[in-house]
C-alpha atoms as a PDB file:
ATOM      1  CA  MET A   1      12.639 244.354 106.764  1.00  0.00           C
ATOM      2  CA  ALA A   2      16.097 242.846 106.745  1.00  0.00           C
ATOM      3  CA  SER A   3      16.730 240.010 104.330  1.00  0.00           C
ATOM      4  CA  LYS A   4      17.869 236.657 105.637  1.00  0.00           C
ATOM      5  CA  PRO A   5      21.324 235.324 104.840  1.00  0.00           C
ATOM      6  CA  ILE A   6      21.331 232.972 101.860  1.00  0.00           C
ATOM      7  CA  SER A   7      22.351 229.995 103.981  1.00  0.00           C
ATOM      8  CA  GLU A   8      19.242 230.423 106.178  1.00  0.00           C
ATOM      9  CA  MET A   9      16.744 230.617 103.290  1.00  0.00           C
ATOM     10  CA  THR A  10      14.620 227.667 102.310  1.00  0.00           C
ATOM     11  CA  THR A  11      15.016 226.136  98.868  1.00  0.00           C
ATOM     12  CA  GLU A  12      11.697 227.645  97.773  1.00  0.00           C
ATOM     13  CA  GLU A  13      12.809 231.097  98.915  1.00  0.00           C
ATOM     14  CA  LEU A  14      16.082 230.678  97.043  1.00  0.00           C
ATOM     15  CA  GLN A  15      14.252 229.673  93.865  1.00  0.00           C
ATOM     16  CA  LYS A  16      11.932 232.663  94.165  1.00  0.00           C
ATOM     17  CA  THR A  17      14.896 234.985  94.791  1.00  0.00           C
ATOM     18  CA  ASP A  18      16.738 233.521  91.801  1.00  0.00           C
ATOM     19  CA  LYS A  19      13.724 234.065  89.568  1.00  0.00           C
ATOM     20  CA  SER A  20      13.243 237.677  90.677  1.00  0.00           C
ATOM     21  CA  LEU A  21      16.967 238.441  90.362  1.00  0.00           C
ATOM     22  CA  ARG A  22      17.021 236.944  86.859  1.00  0.00           C
ATOM     23  CA  LEU A  23      14.131 239.200  85.809  1.00  0.00           C
ATOM     24  CA  ALA A  24      15.695 242.264  87.454  1.00  0.00           C
ATOM     25  CA  ILE A  25      19.020 241.602  85.727  1.00  0.00           C
ATOM     26  CA  GLN A  26      17.358 241.245  82.327  1.00  0.00           C
ATOM     27  CA  ILE A  27      15.340 244.445  82.714  1.00  0.00           C
ATOM     28  CA  MET A  28      18.293 246.367  84.096  1.00  0.00           C
ATOM     29  CA  GLY A  29      20.525 245.119  81.282  1.00  0.00           C
ATOM     30  CA  VAL A  30      18.084 246.351  78.657  1.00  0.00           C
ATOM     31  CA  PHE A  31      17.817 249.728  80.364  1.00  0.00           C
ATOM     32  CA  LEU A  32      21.597 250.007  80.668  1.00  0.00           C
ATOM     33  CA  VAL A  33      21.992 249.390  76.934  1.00  0.00           C
ATOM     34  CA  LEU A  34      19.287 251.946  76.137  1.00  0.00           C
ATOM     35  CA  MET A  35      20.780 254.490  78.551  1.00  0.00           C
ATOM     36  CA  THR A  36      24.245 253.975  77.089  1.00  0.00           C
ATOM     37  CA  ALA A  37      22.988 254.413  73.534  1.00  0.00           C
ATOM     38  CA  SER A  38      20.981 257.519  74.408  1.00  0.00           C
ATOM     39  CA  SER A  39      23.880 258.958  76.407  1.00  0.00           C
ATOM     40  CA  ILE A  40      26.218 258.533  73.440  1.00  0.00           C
ATOM     41  CA  TYR A  41      23.660 260.129  71.135  1.00  0.00           C
ATOM     42  CA  ILE A  42      23.024 263.069  73.469  1.00  0.00           C
ATOM     43  CA  PHE A  43      26.757 263.517  74.041  1.00  0.00           C
ATOM     44  CA  THR A  44      27.448 263.695  70.300  1.00  0.00           C
ATOM     45  CA  GLN A  45      24.556 266.103  69.706  1.00  0.00           C
ATOM     46  CA  LYS A  46      24.690 268.454  72.704  1.00  0.00           C
ATOM     47  CA  GLY A  47      27.904 267.679  74.538  1.00  0.00           C
ATOM     48  CA  PHE A  48      28.324 266.558  78.119  1.00  0.00           C
ATOM     49  CA  SER A  49      25.271 266.488  80.374  1.00  0.00           C
ATOM     50  CA  ALA A  50      24.079 264.678  83.503  1.00  0.00           C
ATOM     51  CA  THR A  51      22.524 261.925  81.386  1.00  0.00           C
ATOM     52  CA  SER A  52      25.982 261.005  80.121  1.00  0.00           C
ATOM     53  CA  VAL A  53      26.854 259.693  83.581  1.00  0.00           C
ATOM     54  CA  LEU A  54      23.694 257.658  84.264  1.00  0.00           C
ATOM     55  CA  PRO A  55      24.889 254.324  82.801  1.00  0.00           C
ATOM     56  CA  ILE A  56      28.040 254.539  84.905  1.00  0.00           C
ATOM     57  CA  VAL A  57      25.969 255.286  88.017  1.00  0.00           C
ATOM     58  CA  PHE A  58      23.691 252.264  87.524  1.00  0.00           C
ATOM     59  CA  LEU A  59      26.471 249.817  86.582  1.00  0.00           C
ATOM     60  CA  PRO A  60      27.404 248.948  90.226  1.00  0.00           C
ATOM     61  CA  LEU A  61      23.769 248.088  90.971  1.00  0.00           C
ATOM     62  CA  PHE A  62      23.731 245.787  87.951  1.00  0.00           C
ATOM     63  CA  THR A  63      26.960 244.056  88.994  1.00  0.00           C
ATOM     64  CA  MET A  64      25.719 243.625  92.592  1.00  0.00           C
ATOM     65  CA  ASN A  65      22.607 241.883  91.288  1.00  0.00           C
ATOM     66  CA  LEU A  66      24.774 239.623  89.121  1.00  0.00           C
ATOM     67  CA  ALA A  67      26.934 238.741  92.129  1.00  0.00           C
ATOM     68  CA  ASN A  68      23.896 238.056  94.330  1.00  0.00           C
ATOM     69  CA  ARG A  69      22.353 235.795  91.696  1.00  0.00           C
ATOM     70  CA  LYS A  70      25.624 233.892  91.420  1.00  0.00           C
ATOM     71  CA  LYS A  71      25.600 233.338  95.202  1.00  0.00           C
ATOM     72  CA  VAL A  72      21.973 232.167  95.138  1.00  0.00           C
ATOM     73  CA  LYS A  73      22.633 229.788  92.249  1.00  0.00           C
ATOM     74  CA  SER A  74      25.691 228.319  93.960  1.00  0.00           C
ATOM     75  CA  GLU A  75      23.670 227.738  97.141  1.00  0.00           C
ATOM     76  CA  LEU A  76      20.922 226.018  95.127  1.00  0.00           C
ATOM     77  CA  ILE A  77      23.471 223.789  93.391  1.00  0.00           C
ATOM     78  CA  LYS A  78      25.093 222.975  96.735  1.00  0.00           C
ATOM     79  CA  ARG A  79      21.718 221.923  98.145  1.00  0.00           C
ATOM     80  CA  GLU A  80      20.908 219.782  95.107  1.00  0.00           C
ATOM     81  CA  ASN A  81      24.203 217.899  95.507  1.00  0.00           C
ATOM     82  CA  GLN A  82      23.578 217.049  99.165  1.00  0.00           C
END
């Protein structure tokens, strides 16, 4: 199912999307910190491995979610000001 553009969403849909993105960002942020810490630990103990790259691989997903939440919040603010 394709998602609707932000401008075509209702205010309720935008609020729901904002809430789910906020939760996803928080969970992903915690996991990124844990992955980074474990990658550093594993790197210092055993050297380079595939787990050393995982935080770097998931960072673009995290930043895309941040950017999407910023767009949703700006649309909500724009609608409140109208």
